[in-house]
Each structure stands twice: as structure tokens, then as C-alpha cells.
Amino acid sequence: MSTITKIQGYHNDVKQLRVAAYCRVSTDNVEQLESLQNQREHYQEYISHHPNWQLAKIYYDEGISGTKLTKRNALKELLGDCRNHRIDLIVTKSISRLSRNTTDC
């Protein structure tokens, strides 16, 4: 008589990462605001192409310098969401988008 051996399938528990994007433009002139819209569209597209990523939110500050954290409400909200474990990963154009001040960074 034949023996049947059941081989357990490989089950990879890949966690969905909650991904946030952060955008910032330092002035509120038309070209900068178009750049902000382009950044937001880019991140939506970029995040959607990663099967393990789920877009949590795109945070953005417009017309605000990157030298001080105090007036950047979207960045403060992002950092709060990170502290509260709502975000697993942040994507941004460059570290200077988060801060130009090394102490804040």
C-alpha cells in the first residue's frame, strides 16, 4: 500500500507595514506648491507599488522652513503617530525634508 506524506506548505507571515510619507516645501509660491503636489502624487504611487506596504498617511507642511520644528504641525503629527506606534516606516525625499537643524533631526 502507498504511503501519503503531507508536506506542510510554507506560510510566510509578511507583515503589512504602515508607511507614511513626509513632504515639505519652504515657500508658498506657485512652483513650490506644484512641487508639493508632485511629491504627494509620487509617494502615493511609490507606496502602492510595494505589496507589503499600506499607505498610512501623507504628511506635508507647505511654506514652512525646515530649520525649526515648532511651526511644522504635520511633522509634529507624524512624530506623534510614530511614538503611538501608528507608523512603521517613513519615506521622504531627503533627510533635509525632515529637518535642516541637526538638533531637531
PDB file of N, CA and C in Angstrom:
ATOM      1  N   MET A   1       0.825  -1.157   0.000  1.00  0.00           N
ATOM      2  CA  MET A   1       0.000   0.000   0.000  1.00  0.00           C
ATOM      3  C   MET A   1       0.887   1.244   0.000  1.00  0.00           C
ATOM      4  N   SER A   2       0.465   2.294  -0.734  1.00  0.00           N
ATOM      5  CA  SER A   2       1.215   3.545  -0.826  1.00  0.00           C
ATOM      6  C   SER A   2       1.065   4.361   0.447  1.00  0.00           C
ATOM      7  N   THR A   3       2.115   5.037   0.766  1.00  0.00           N
ATOM      8  CA  THR A   3       2.083   5.933   1.920  1.00  0.00           C
ATOM      9  C   THR A   3       2.014   7.372   1.415  1.00  0.00           C
ATOM     10  N   ILE A   4       1.123   8.123   1.964  1.00  0.00           N
ATOM     11  CA  ILE A   4       0.998   9.533   1.583  1.00  0.00           C
ATOM     12  C   ILE A   4       1.566  10.377   2.718  1.00  0.00           C
ATOM     13  N   THR A   5       2.490  11.217   2.326  1.00  0.00           N
ATOM     14  CA  THR A   5       3.088  12.120   3.299  1.00  0.00           C
ATOM     15  C   THR A   5       2.670  13.535   2.954  1.00  0.00           C
ATOM     16  N   LYS A   6       2.024  14.178   3.885  1.00  0.00           N
ATOM     17  CA  LYS A   6       1.600  15.554   3.659  1.00  0.00           C
ATOM     18  C   LYS A   6       2.738  16.474   4.059  1.00  0.00           C
ATOM     19  N   ILE A   7       3.115  17.334   3.134  1.00  0.00           N
ATOM     20  CA  ILE A   7       4.169  18.308   3.388  1.00  0.00           C
ATOM     21  C   ILE A   7       3.492  19.633   3.705  1.00  0.00           C
ATOM     22  N   GLN A   8       3.807  20.154   4.856  1.00  0.00           N
ATOM     23  CA  GLN A   8       3.216  21.432   5.250  1.00  0.00           C
ATOM     24  C   GLN A   8       3.710  22.525   4.303  1.00  0.00           C
ATOM     25  N   GLY A   9       2.778  23.326   3.843  1.00  0.00           N
ATOM     26  CA  GLY A   9       3.137  24.433   2.965  1.00  0.00           C
ATOM     27  C   GLY A   9       3.891  25.512   3.726  1.00  0.00           C
ATOM     28  N   TYR A  10       4.656  26.230   2.991  1.00  0.00           N
ATOM     29  CA  TYR A  10       5.405  27.335   3.571  1.00  0.00           C
ATOM     30  C   TYR A  10       4.459  28.497   3.731  1.00  0.00           C
ATOM     31  N   HIS A  11       4.320  28.992   4.930  1.00  0.00           N
ATOM     32  CA  HIS A  11       3.435  30.114   5.192  1.00  0.00           C
ATOM     33  C   HIS A  11       4.275  31.271   5.701  1.00  0.00           C
ATOM     34  N   ASN A  12       4.423  32.258   4.879  1.00  0.00           N
ATOM     35  CA  ASN A  12       5.232  33.409   5.223  1.00  0.00           C
ATOM     36  C   ASN A  12       4.317  34.508   5.750  1.00  0.00           C
ATOM     37  N   ASP A  13       4.401  34.775   7.040  1.00  0.00           N
ATOM     38  CA  ASP A  13       3.600  35.839   7.636  1.00  0.00           C
ATOM     39  C   ASP A  13       4.284  37.181   7.403  1.00  0.00           C
ATOM     40  N   VAL A  14       4.009  37.756   6.262  1.00  0.00           N
ATOM     41  CA  VAL A  14       4.600  39.038   5.938  1.00  0.00           C
ATOM     42  C   VAL A  14       3.708  40.120   6.528  1.00  0.00           C
ATOM     43  N   LYS A  15       4.288  40.905   7.347  1.00  0.00           N
ATOM     44  CA  LYS A  15       3.553  41.978   7.998  1.00  0.00           C
ATOM     45  C   LYS A  15       3.344  43.125   7.011  1.00  0.00           C
ATOM     46  N   GLN A  16       2.140  43.654   7.005  1.00  0.00           N
ATOM     47  CA  GLN A  16       1.872  44.863   6.236  1.00  0.00           C
ATOM     48  C   GLN A  16       2.492  46.027   6.999  1.00  0.00           C
ATOM     49  N   LEU A  17       3.380  46.733   6.374  1.00  0.00           N
ATOM     50  CA  LEU A  17       3.978  47.896   7.005  1.00  0.00           C
ATOM     51  C   LEU A  17       3.089  49.113   6.778  1.00  0.00           C
ATOM     52  N   ARG A  18       2.840  49.841   7.837  1.00  0.00           N
ATOM     53  CA  ARG A  18       2.088  51.091   7.734  1.00  0.00           C
ATOM     54  C   ARG A  18       3.096  52.178   7.407  1.00  0.00           C
ATOM     55  N   VAL A  19       3.007  52.670   6.184  1.00  0.00           N
ATOM     56  CA  VAL A  19       4.022  53.582   5.653  1.00  0.00           C
ATOM     57  C   VAL A  19       3.451  54.988   5.541  1.00  0.00           C
ATOM     58  N   ALA A  20       4.226  55.937   6.018  1.00  0.00           N
ATOM     59  CA  ALA A  20       3.876  57.345   5.896  1.00  0.00           C
ATOM     60  C   ALA A  20       4.915  58.036   5.027  1.00  0.00           C
ATOM     61  N   ALA A  21       4.486  59.072   4.346  1.00  0.00           N
ATOM     62  CA  ALA A  21       5.415  59.898   3.581  1.00  0.00           C
ATOM     63  C   ALA A  21       5.372  61.298   4.168  1.00  0.00           C
ATOM     64  N   TYR A  22       6.506  61.974   4.106  1.00  0.00           N
ATOM     65  CA  TYR A  22       6.559  63.355   4.571  1.00  0.00           C
ATOM     66  C   TYR A  22       7.102  64.230   3.461  1.00  0.00           C
ATOM     67  N   CYS A  23       6.369  65.301   3.181  1.00  0.00           N
ATOM     68  CA  CYS A  23       6.750  66.265   2.153  1.00  0.00           C
ATOM     69  C   CYS A  23       6.796  67.652   2.795  1.00  0.00           C
ATOM     70  N   ARG A  24       7.655  68.491   2.251  1.00  0.00           N
ATOM     71  CA  ARG A  24       7.717  69.872   2.727  1.00  0.00           C
ATOM     72  C   ARG A  24       8.246  70.751   1.621  1.00  0.00           C
ATOM     73  N   VAL A  25       7.662  71.924   1.493  1.00  0.00           N
ATOM     74  CA  VAL A  25       8.221  72.972   0.645  1.00  0.00           C
ATOM     75  C   VAL A  25       8.375  74.202   1.522  1.00  0.00           C
ATOM     76  N   SER A  26       9.426  74.968   1.274  1.00  0.00           N
ATOM     77  CA  SER A  26       9.756  76.056   2.186  1.00  0.00           C
ATOM     78  C   SER A  26       9.080  77.378   1.852  1.00  0.00           C
ATOM     79  N   THR A  27       8.525  77.509   0.671  1.00  0.00           N
ATOM     80  CA  THR A  27       7.803  78.736   0.326  1.00  0.00           C
ATOM     81  C   THR A  27       6.440  78.353  -0.221  1.00  0.00           C
ATOM     82  N   ASP A  28       5.565  79.349  -0.294  1.00  0.00           N
ATOM     83  CA  ASP A  28       4.235  79.060  -0.812  1.00  0.00           C
ATOM     84  C   ASP A  28       4.010  79.652  -2.202  1.00  0.00           C
ATOM     85  N   ASN A  29       5.110  79.794  -2.978  1.00  0.00           N
ATOM     86  CA  ASN A  29       4.913  80.275  -4.350  1.00  0.00           C
ATOM     87  C   ASN A  29       4.379  79.129  -5.221  1.00  0.00           C
ATOM     88  N   VAL A  30       3.876  79.467  -6.383  1.00  0.00           N
ATOM     89  CA  VAL A  30       3.180  78.512  -7.238  1.00  0.00           C
ATOM     90  C   VAL A  30       4.051  77.311  -7.596  1.00  0.00           C
ATOM     91  N   GLU A  31       5.308  77.548  -7.966  1.00  0.00           N
ATOM     92  CA  GLU A  31       6.184  76.435  -8.338  1.00  0.00           C
ATOM     93  C   GLU A  31       6.389  75.464  -7.179  1.00  0.00           C
ATOM     94  N   GLN A  32       6.557  76.002  -5.982  1.00  0.00           N
ATOM     95  CA  GLN A  32       6.755  75.153  -4.813  1.00  0.00           C
ATOM     96  C   GLN A  32       5.488  74.349  -4.512  1.00  0.00           C
ATOM     97  N   LEU A  33       4.320  74.972  -4.635  1.00  0.00           N
ATOM     98  CA  LEU A  33       3.081  74.253  -4.361  1.00  0.00           C
ATOM     99  C   LEU A  33       2.842  73.154  -5.388  1.00  0.00           C
ATOM    100  N   GLU A  34       3.230  73.394  -6.640  1.00  0.00           N
ATOM    101  CA  GLU A  34       3.160  72.336  -7.653  1.00  0.00           C
ATOM    102  C   GLU A  34       4.121  71.212  -7.292  1.00  0.00           C
ATOM    103  N   SER A  35       5.303  71.568  -6.780  1.00  0.00           N
ATOM    104  CA  SER A  35       6.263  70.561  -6.350  1.00  0.00           C
ATOM    105  C   SER A  35       5.690  69.733  -5.205  1.00  0.00           C
ATOM    106  N   LEU A  36       4.993  70.385  -4.291  1.00  0.00           N
ATOM    107  CA  LEU A  36       4.378  69.673  -3.175  1.00  0.00           C
ATOM    108  C   LEU A  36       3.342  68.677  -3.690  1.00  0.00           C
ATOM    109  N   GLN A  37       2.515  69.099  -4.631  1.00  0.00           N
ATOM    110  CA  GLN A  37       1.525  68.193  -5.207  1.00  0.00           C
ATOM    111  C   GLN A  37       2.205  67.030  -5.928  1.00  0.00           C
ATOM    112  N   ASN A  38       3.284  67.312  -6.652  1.00  0.00           N
ATOM    113  CA  ASN A  38       4.032  66.251  -7.336  1.00  0.00           C
ATOM    114  C   ASN A  38       4.634  65.268  -6.343  1.00  0.00           C
ATOM    115  N   GLN A  39       5.165  65.781  -5.232  1.00  0.00           N
ATOM    116  CA  GLN A  39       5.731  64.901  -4.202  1.00  0.00           C
ATOM    117  C   GLN A  39       4.645  63.979  -3.644  1.00  0.00           C
ATOM    118  N   ARG A  40       3.484  64.554  -3.347  1.00  0.00           N
ATOM    119  CA  ARG A  40       2.395  63.757  -2.769  1.00  0.00           C
ATOM    120  C   ARG A  40       1.950  62.665  -3.737  1.00  0.00           C
ATOM    121  N   GLU A  41       1.799  63.004  -5.013  1.00  0.00           N
ATOM    122  CA  GLU A  41       1.414  62.012  -6.016  1.00  0.00           C
ATOM    123  C   GLU A  41       2.487  60.937  -6.162  1.00  0.00           C
ATOM    124  N   HIS A  42       3.740  61.361  -6.139  1.00  0.00           N
ATOM    125  CA  HIS A  42       4.849  60.408  -6.258  1.00  0.00           C
ATOM    126  C   HIS A  42       4.807  59.389  -5.125  1.00  0.00           C
ATOM    127  N   TYR A  43       4.618  59.843  -3.898  1.00  0.00           N
ATOM    128  CA  TYR A  43       4.611  58.927  -2.764  1.00  0.00           C
ATOM    129  C   TYR A  43       3.411  57.990  -2.779  1.00  0.00           C
ATOM    130  N   GLN A  44       2.259  58.481  -3.193  1.00  0.00           N
ATOM    131  CA  GLN A  44       1.102  57.587  -3.312  1.00  0.00           C
ATOM    132  C   GLN A  44       1.400  56.468  -4.293  1.00  0.00           C
ATOM    133  N   GLU A  45       1.965  56.825  -5.421  1.00  0.00           N
ATOM    134  CA  GLU A  45       2.326  55.838  -6.440  1.00  0.00           C
ATOM    135  C   GLU A  45       3.419  54.899  -5.933  1.00  0.00           C
ATOM    136  N   TYR A  46       4.456  55.465  -5.350  1.00  0.00           N
ATOM    137  CA  TYR A  46       5.598  54.693  -4.869  1.00  0.00           C
ATOM    138  C   TYR A  46       5.164  53.664  -3.822  1.00  0.00           C
ATOM    139  N   ILE A  47       4.394  54.079  -2.857  1.00  0.00           N
ATOM    140  CA  ILE A  47       3.953  53.187  -1.791  1.00  0.00           C
ATOM    141  C   ILE A  47       3.020  52.117  -2.330  1.00  0.00           C
ATOM    142  N   SER A  48       2.175  52.466  -3.283  1.00  0.00           N
ATOM    143  CA  SER A  48       1.231  51.487  -3.833  1.00  0.00           C
ATOM    144  C   SER A  48       1.924  50.363  -4.598  1.00  0.00           C
ATOM    145  N   HIS A  49       3.172  50.579  -5.029  1.00  0.00           N
ATOM    146  CA  HIS A  49       3.908  49.551  -5.768  1.00  0.00           C
ATOM    147  C   HIS A  49       4.654  48.568  -4.867  1.00  0.00           C
ATOM    148  N   HIS A  50       4.507  48.700  -3.585  1.00  0.00           N
ATOM    149  CA  HIS A  50       5.131  47.778  -2.644  1.00  0.00           C
ATOM    150  C   HIS A  50       4.036  46.935  -1.999  1.00  0.00           C
ATOM    151  N   PRO A  51       3.992  45.648  -2.311  1.00  0.00           N
ATOM    152  CA  PRO A  51       2.887  44.815  -1.839  1.00  0.00           C
ATOM    153  C   PRO A  51       2.776  44.703  -0.317  1.00  0.00           C
ATOM    154  N   ASN A  52       3.866  44.863   0.414  1.00  0.00           N
ATOM    155  CA  ASN A  52       3.816  44.754   1.878  1.00  0.00           C
ATOM    156  C   ASN A  52       3.533  46.096   2.550  1.00  0.00           C
ATOM    157  N   TRP A  53       3.349  47.138   1.760  1.00  0.00           N
ATOM    158  CA  TRP A  53       3.164  48.468   2.315  1.00  0.00           C
ATOM    159  C   TRP A  53       1.713  48.899   2.223  1.00  0.00           C
ATOM    160  N   GLN A  54       1.263  49.540   3.270  1.00  0.00           N
ATOM    161  CA  GLN A  54      -0.071  50.117   3.308  1.00  0.00           C
ATOM    162  C   GLN A  54       0.113  51.605   3.604  1.00  0.00           C
ATOM    163  N   LEU A  55      -0.448  52.455   2.759  1.00  0.00           N
ATOM    164  CA  LEU A  55      -0.317  53.892   2.967  1.00  0.00           C
ATOM    165  C   LEU A  55      -1.078  54.292   4.227  1.00  0.00           C
ATOM    166  N   ALA A  56      -0.344  54.797   5.196  1.00  0.00           N
ATOM    167  CA  ALA A  56      -0.968  55.271   6.429  1.00  0.00           C
ATOM    168  C   ALA A  56      -1.447  56.711   6.224  1.00  0.00           C
ATOM    169  N   LYS A  57      -0.554  57.552   5.746  1.00  0.00           N
ATOM    170  CA  LYS A  57      -0.900  58.958   5.529  1.00  0.00           C
ATOM    171  C   LYS A  57       0.266  59.654   4.860  1.00  0.00           C
ATOM    172  N   ILE A  58      -0.038  60.690   4.108  1.00  0.00           N
ATOM    173  CA  ILE A  58       0.995  61.572   3.579  1.00  0.00           C
ATOM    174  C   ILE A  58       0.901  62.867   4.379  1.00  0.00           C
ATOM    175  N   TYR A  59       1.945  63.160   5.087  1.00  0.00           N
ATOM    176  CA  TYR A  59       2.014  64.361   5.916  1.00  0.00           C
ATOM    177  C   TYR A  59       2.768  65.419   5.114  1.00  0.00           C
ATOM    178  N   TYR A  60       2.322  66.664   5.197  1.00  0.00           N
ATOM    179  CA  TYR A  60       3.033  67.709   4.465  1.00  0.00           C
ATOM    180  C   TYR A  60       2.881  69.063   5.135  1.00  0.00           C
ATOM    181  N   ASP A  61       3.952  69.816   5.069  1.00  0.00           N
ATOM    182  CA  ASP A  61       3.973  71.200   5.527  1.00  0.00           C
ATOM    183  C   ASP A  61       4.288  72.048   4.307  1.00  0.00           C
ATOM    184  N   GLU A  62       3.510  73.100   4.116  1.00  0.00           N
ATOM    185  CA  GLU A  62       3.772  73.949   2.964  1.00  0.00           C
ATOM    186  C   GLU A  62       4.119  75.362   3.400  1.00  0.00           C
ATOM    187  N   GLY A  63       5.107  75.929   2.727  1.00  0.00           N
ATOM    188  CA  GLY A  63       5.526  77.291   3.003  1.00  0.00           C
ATOM    189  C   GLY A  63       6.206  77.460   4.343  1.00  0.00           C
ATOM    190  N   ILE A  64       6.857  76.401   4.817  1.00  0.00           N
ATOM    191  CA  ILE A  64       7.488  76.444   6.138  1.00  0.00           C
ATOM    192  C   ILE A  64       8.941  76.011   6.022  1.00  0.00           C
ATOM    193  N   SER A  65       9.820  76.784   6.629  1.00  0.00           N
ATOM    194  CA  SER A  65      11.241  76.463   6.620  1.00  0.00           C
ATOM    195  C   SER A  65      11.503  75.185   7.410  1.00  0.00           C
ATOM    196  N   GLY A  66      12.545  74.478   7.024  1.00  0.00           N
ATOM    197  CA  GLY A  66      12.909  73.253   7.703  1.00  0.00           C
ATOM    198  C   GLY A  66      13.867  73.457   8.864  1.00  0.00           C
ATOM    199  N   THR A  67      14.098  74.727   9.254  1.00  0.00           N
ATOM    200  CA  THR A  67      15.080  74.973  10.310  1.00  0.00           C
ATOM    201  C   THR A  67      14.529  74.792  11.712  1.00  0.00           C
ATOM    202  N   LYS A  68      13.206  74.955  11.891  1.00  0.00           N
ATOM    203  CA  LYS A  68      12.635  74.817  13.230  1.00  0.00           C
ATOM    204  C   LYS A  68      11.434  73.894  13.214  1.00  0.00           C
ATOM    205  N   LEU A  69      11.326  73.077  14.220  1.00  0.00           N
ATOM    206  CA  LEU A  69      10.229  72.123  14.355  1.00  0.00           C
ATOM    207  C   LEU A  69       8.943  72.787  14.844  1.00  0.00           C
ATOM    208  N   THR A  70       9.068  73.880  15.548  1.00  0.00           N
ATOM    209  CA  THR A  70       7.927  74.460  16.263  1.00  0.00           C
ATOM    210  C   THR A  70       6.719  74.775  15.384  1.00  0.00           C
ATOM    211  N   LYS A  71       6.908  75.243  14.171  1.00  0.00           N
ATOM    212  CA  LYS A  71       5.789  75.649  13.315  1.00  0.00           C
ATOM    213  C   LYS A  71       5.369  74.576  12.312  1.00  0.00           C
ATOM    214  N   ARG A  72       5.965  73.406  12.394  1.00  0.00           N
ATOM    215  CA  ARG A  72       5.704  72.372  11.398  1.00  0.00           C
ATOM    216  C   ARG A  72       4.730  71.349  11.965  1.00  0.00           C
ATOM    217  N   ASN A  73       3.460  71.682  11.885  1.00  0.00           N
ATOM    218  CA  ASN A  73       2.412  70.872  12.511  1.00  0.00           C
ATOM    219  C   ASN A  73       2.317  69.470  11.935  1.00  0.00           C
ATOM    220  N   ALA A  74       2.484  69.333  10.623  1.00  0.00           N
ATOM    221  CA  ALA A  74       2.387  67.996  10.019  1.00  0.00           C
ATOM    222  C   ALA A  74       3.527  67.100  10.499  1.00  0.00           C
ATOM    223  N   LEU A  75       4.726  67.651  10.595  1.00  0.00           N
ATOM    224  CA  LEU A  75       5.853  66.845  11.083  1.00  0.00           C
ATOM    225  C   LEU A  75       5.631  66.456  12.539  1.00  0.00           C
ATOM    226  N   LYS A  76       5.125  67.384  13.350  1.00  0.00           N
ATOM    227  CA  LYS A  76       4.847  67.058  14.752  1.00  0.00           C
ATOM    228  C   LYS A  76       3.780  65.974  14.849  1.00  0.00           C
ATOM    229  N   GLU A  77       2.770  66.037  13.978  1.00  0.00           N
ATOM    230  CA  GLU A  77       1.746  64.991  13.961  1.00  0.00           C
ATOM    231  C   GLU A  77       2.350  63.645  13.563  1.00  0.00           C
ATOM    232  N   LEU A  78       3.211  63.650  12.544  1.00  0.00           N
ATOM    233  CA  LEU A  78       3.882  62.426  12.106  1.00  0.00           C
ATOM    234  C   LEU A  78       4.700  61.819  13.240  1.00  0.00           C
ATOM    235  N   LEU A  79       5.474  62.630  13.917  1.00  0.00           N
ATOM    236  CA  LEU A  79       6.299  62.130  15.014  1.00  0.00           C
ATOM    237  C   LEU A  79       5.434  61.574  16.144  1.00  0.00           C
ATOM    238  N   GLY A  80       4.308  62.224  16.423  1.00  0.00           N
ATOM    239  CA  GLY A  80       3.385  61.727  17.432  1.00  0.00           C
ATOM    240  C   GLY A  80       2.796  60.380  17.035  1.00  0.00           C
ATOM    241  N   ASP A  81       2.439  60.240  15.757  1.00  0.00           N
ATOM    242  CA  ASP A  81       1.902  58.960  15.272  1.00  0.00           C
ATOM    243  C   ASP A  81       2.957  57.860  15.353  1.00  0.00           C
ATOM    244  N   CYS A  82       4.206  58.223  15.127  1.00  0.00           N
ATOM    245  CA  CYS A  82       5.291  57.241  15.278  1.00  0.00           C
ATOM    246  C   CYS A  82       5.424  56.821  16.741  1.00  0.00           C
ATOM    247  N   ARG A  83       5.396  57.777  17.626  1.00  0.00           N
ATOM    248  CA  ARG A  83       5.508  57.459  19.061  1.00  0.00           C
ATOM    249  C   ARG A  83       4.350  56.578  19.533  1.00  0.00           C
ATOM    250  N   ASN A  84       3.182  56.758  18.911  1.00  0.00           N
ATOM    251  CA  ASN A  84       2.000  55.975  19.275  1.00  0.00           C
ATOM    252  C   ASN A  84       1.869  54.689  18.451  1.00  0.00           C
ATOM    253  N   HIS A  85       2.933  54.312  17.751  1.00  0.00           N
ATOM    254  CA  HIS A  85       3.022  53.046  17.008  1.00  0.00           C
ATOM    255  C   HIS A  85       1.972  52.933  15.902  1.00  0.00           C
ATOM    256  N   ARG A  86       1.666  54.055  15.246  1.00  0.00           N
ATOM    257  CA  ARG A  86       0.742  54.032  14.116  1.00  0.00           C
ATOM    258  C   ARG A  86       1.477  53.959  12.775  1.00  0.00           C
ATOM    259  N   ILE A  87       2.779  54.192  12.808  1.00  0.00           N
ATOM    260  CA  ILE A  87       3.610  54.229  11.600  1.00  0.00           C
ATOM    261  C   ILE A  87       4.785  53.271  11.793  1.00  0.00           C
ATOM    262  N   ASP A  88       5.044  52.451  10.763  1.00  0.00           N
ATOM    263  CA  ASP A  88       6.189  51.532  10.807  1.00  0.00           C
ATOM    264  C   ASP A  88       7.381  52.043  10.010  1.00  0.00           C
ATOM    265  N   LEU A  89       7.113  52.859   8.992  1.00  0.00           N
ATOM    266  CA  LEU A  89       8.167  53.292   8.078  1.00  0.00           C
ATOM    267  C   LEU A  89       7.806  54.665   7.536  1.00  0.00           C
ATOM    268  N   ILE A  90       8.813  55.528   7.408  1.00  0.00           N
ATOM    269  CA  ILE A  90       8.628  56.854   6.812  1.00  0.00           C
ATOM    270  C   ILE A  90       9.476  56.939   5.554  1.00  0.00           C
ATOM    271  N   VAL A  91       8.891  57.455   4.481  1.00  0.00           N
ATOM    272  CA  VAL A  91       9.664  57.750   3.278  1.00  0.00           C
ATOM    273  C   VAL A  91       9.609  59.257   3.049  1.00  0.00           C
ATOM    274  N   THR A  92      10.723  59.799   2.612  1.00  0.00           N
ATOM    275  CA  THR A  92      10.820  61.222   2.310  1.00  0.00           C
ATOM    276  C   THR A  92      11.907  61.421   1.267  1.00  0.00           C
ATOM    277  N   LYS A  93      11.867  62.552   0.604  1.00  0.00           N
ATOM    278  CA  LYS A  93      12.815  62.831  -0.475  1.00  0.00           C
ATOM    279  C   LYS A  93      14.255  62.840   0.023  1.00  0.00           C
ATOM    280  N   SER A  94      14.490  63.501   1.137  1.00  0.00           N
ATOM    281  CA  SER A  94      15.829  63.561   1.712  1.00  0.00           C
ATOM    282  C   SER A  94      15.703  63.901   3.190  1.00  0.00           C
ATOM    283  N   ILE A  95      16.773  63.698   3.917  1.00  0.00           N
ATOM    284  CA  ILE A  95      16.763  63.987   5.348  1.00  0.00           C
ATOM    285  C   ILE A  95      16.479  65.463   5.589  1.00  0.00           C
ATOM    286  N   SER A  96      16.830  66.328   4.654  1.00  0.00           N
ATOM    287  CA  SER A  96      16.589  67.764   4.818  1.00  0.00           C
ATOM    288  C   SER A  96      15.099  68.100   4.805  1.00  0.00           C
ATOM    289  N   ARG A  97      14.271  67.212   4.278  1.00  0.00           N
ATOM    290  CA  ARG A  97      12.821  67.445   4.341  1.00  0.00           C
ATOM    291  C   ARG A  97      12.339  67.327   5.776  1.00  0.00           C
ATOM    292  N   LEU A  98      12.947  66.423   6.544  1.00  0.00           N
ATOM    293  CA  LEU A  98      12.573  66.274   7.943  1.00  0.00           C
ATOM    294  C   LEU A  98      13.129  67.433   8.776  1.00  0.00           C
ATOM    295  N   SER A  99      14.381  67.777   8.545  1.00  0.00           N
ATOM    296  CA  SER A  99      14.963  68.857   9.314  1.00  0.00           C
ATOM    297  C   SER A  99      16.256  69.343   8.693  1.00  0.00           C
ATOM    298  N   ARG A 100      16.454  70.644   8.762  1.00  0.00           N
ATOM    299  CA  ARG A 100      17.741  71.217   8.389  1.00  0.00           C
ATOM    300  C   ARG A 100      18.545  71.543   9.639  1.00  0.00           C
ATOM    301  N   ASN A 101      17.942  71.328  10.794  1.00  0.00           N
ATOM    302  CA  ASN A 101      18.574  71.588  12.073  1.00  0.00           C
ATOM    303  C   ASN A 101      18.986  70.258  12.673  1.00  0.00           C
ATOM    304  N   THR A 102      20.277  70.062  12.873  1.00  0.00           N
ATOM    305  CA  THR A 102      20.759  68.763  13.335  1.00  0.00           C
ATOM    306  C   THR A 102      20.249  68.406  14.730  1.00  0.00           C
ATOM    307  N   THR A 103      19.994  69.393  15.577  1.00  0.00           N
ATOM    308  CA  THR A 103      19.470  69.111  16.915  1.00  0.00           C
ATOM    309  C   THR A 103      18.058  68.545  16.806  1.00  0.00           C
ATOM    310  N   ASP A 104      17.203  69.171  15.998  1.00  0.00           N
ATOM    311  CA  ASP A 104      15.840  68.659  15.786  1.00  0.00           C
ATOM    312  C   ASP A 104      15.875  67.285  15.131  1.00  0.00           C
ATOM    313  N   CYS A 105      16.771  67.125  14.180  1.00  0.00           N
ATOM    314  CA  CYS A 105      16.845  65.863  13.430  1.00  0.00           C
ATOM    315  C   CYS A 105      17.242  64.726  14.339  1.00  0.00           C
TER     316      CYS A 105
END
